[in-house]
Amino acid sequence: MDTAQILLFLVVIILTILLVVLGVQVFFILKEFKNTVSKVNKVLDDAGVISESVSTPIASISTVLTGVKTGITLASLFKKKKRTHAKEEANGQEQQ
């Protein structure tokens, strides 16, 4: 064999070894990336659960406050009606 052939053969062997090592490294990087993405997904799921657990009581408080506001409005309407009715009765008694 020529020295050129031996040199070419060595270069091909070295490049093959480097590409195999590089492929293994890429495999490990992708595996680590998969683990990272799954951890991020878990964090986002937990954040969703936390935000839901916070929003549920706030929605309940909003519903209660809306009910109280409606109750106050109804009470004020009844008071107005009672006052108007009392004035009408007083006016009716004065006219007799």
Protein backbone atom coordinates (compact mmCIF):
# COMPACT_ATOMS: atom_id res chain seq x y z
CA MET A 1 0.00 0.00 0.00
CA ASP A 2 1.04 3.51 -0.71
CA THR A 3 1.58 6.03 2.02
CA ALA A 4 -1.20 8.13 0.48
CA GLN A 5 -3.64 5.21 0.79
CA ILE A 6 -2.59 4.56 4.38
CA LEU A 7 -2.95 8.26 5.20
CA LEU A 8 -6.40 8.39 3.54
CA PHE A 9 -7.47 5.27 5.42
CA LEU A 10 -6.36 6.78 8.75
CA VAL A 11 -8.20 10.03 8.01
CA VAL A 12 -11.40 8.09 7.19
CA ILE A 13 -11.09 6.08 10.42
CA ILE A 14 -10.46 9.22 12.52
CA LEU A 15 -13.41 11.05 10.91
CA THR A 16 -15.66 8.05 11.47
CA ILE A 17 -14.71 7.90 15.15
CA LEU A 18 -15.28 11.65 15.52
CA LEU A 19 -18.70 11.44 13.85
CA VAL A 20 -19.73 8.52 16.09
CA VAL A 21 -18.65 10.45 19.20
CA LEU A 22 -20.47 13.54 17.92
CA GLY A 23 -23.61 11.48 17.26
CA VAL A 24 -23.52 10.08 20.80
CA GLN A 25 -23.13 13.60 22.20
CA VAL A 26 -26.08 14.85 20.13
CA PHE A 27 -28.13 11.92 21.45
CA PHE A 28 -27.34 12.87 25.06
CA ILE A 29 -28.09 16.53 24.36
CA LEU A 30 -31.48 15.64 22.89
CA LYS A 31 -32.22 13.35 25.82
CA GLU A 32 -31.40 16.15 28.26
CA PHE A 33 -33.53 18.56 26.22
CA LYS A 34 -36.46 16.13 26.47
CA ASN A 35 -36.07 16.02 30.28
CA THR A 36 -35.92 19.81 30.43
CA VAL A 37 -39.06 20.18 28.32
CA SER A 38 -40.92 17.70 30.53
CA LYS A 39 -39.86 19.64 33.66
CA VAL A 40 -40.99 22.92 32.12
CA ASN A 41 -44.29 21.29 31.20
CA LYS A 42 -44.73 20.15 34.80
CA VAL A 43 -43.99 23.67 36.08
CA LEU A 44 -46.57 25.13 33.68
CA ASP A 45 -49.15 22.56 34.79
CA ASP A 46 -48.47 23.45 38.43
CA ALA A 47 -48.81 27.15 37.59
CA GLY A 48 -52.16 26.39 35.96
CA VAL A 49 -53.35 24.55 39.06
CA ILE A 50 -52.19 27.38 41.32
CA SER A 51 -53.88 30.06 39.19
CA GLU A 52 -57.09 28.03 39.14
CA SER A 53 -57.01 27.58 42.90
CA VAL A 54 -56.58 31.34 43.30
CA SER A 55 -59.25 32.31 40.75
CA THR A 56 -61.97 30.06 42.20
CA PRO A 57 -62.21 31.88 45.59
CA ILE A 58 -61.99 35.24 43.84
CA ALA A 59 -64.90 34.27 41.59
CA SER A 60 -66.85 33.16 44.66
CA ILE A 61 -66.15 36.46 46.42
CA SER A 62 -67.28 38.30 43.30
CA THR A 63 -70.53 36.33 43.27
CA VAL A 64 -71.14 37.06 46.95
CA LEU A 65 -70.45 40.78 46.46
CA THR A 66 -72.82 40.87 43.49
CA GLY A 67 -75.50 39.26 45.66
CA VAL A 68 -74.92 41.78 48.45
CA LYS A 69 -75.10 44.64 45.95
CA THR A 70 -78.39 43.27 44.57
CA GLY A 71 -79.73 42.92 48.12
CA ILE A 72 -78.81 46.50 48.96
CA THR A 73 -80.46 47.71 45.77
CA LEU A 74 -83.65 45.79 46.56
CA ALA A 75 -83.66 47.07 50.14
CA SER A 76 -83.33 50.67 48.95
CA LEU A 77 -86.16 50.14 46.47
CA PHE A 78 -88.39 48.75 49.23
CA LYS A 79 -87.51 51.70 51.48
CA LYS A 80 -88.42 54.15 48.69
CA LYS A 81 -91.67 52.32 48.05
CA LYS A 82 -92.49 52.29 51.76
CA ARG A 83 -91.73 56.03 52.05
CA THR A 84 -93.84 56.79 48.99
CA HIS A 85 -96.68 54.66 50.36
CA ALA A 86 -96.43 56.39 53.75
CA LYS A 87 -96.52 59.84 52.09
CA GLU A 88 -99.56 58.85 50.04
CA GLU A 89 -101.34 57.67 53.20
CA ALA A 90 -100.45 60.89 54.98
CA ASN A 91 -101.70 62.96 52.04
CA GLY A 92 -104.90 60.89 51.94
CA GLN A 93 -105.57 61.49 55.64
CA GLU A 94 -105.01 65.24 55.28
CA GLN A 95 -107.51 65.46 52.45
CA GLN A 96 -110.29 63.80 54.49
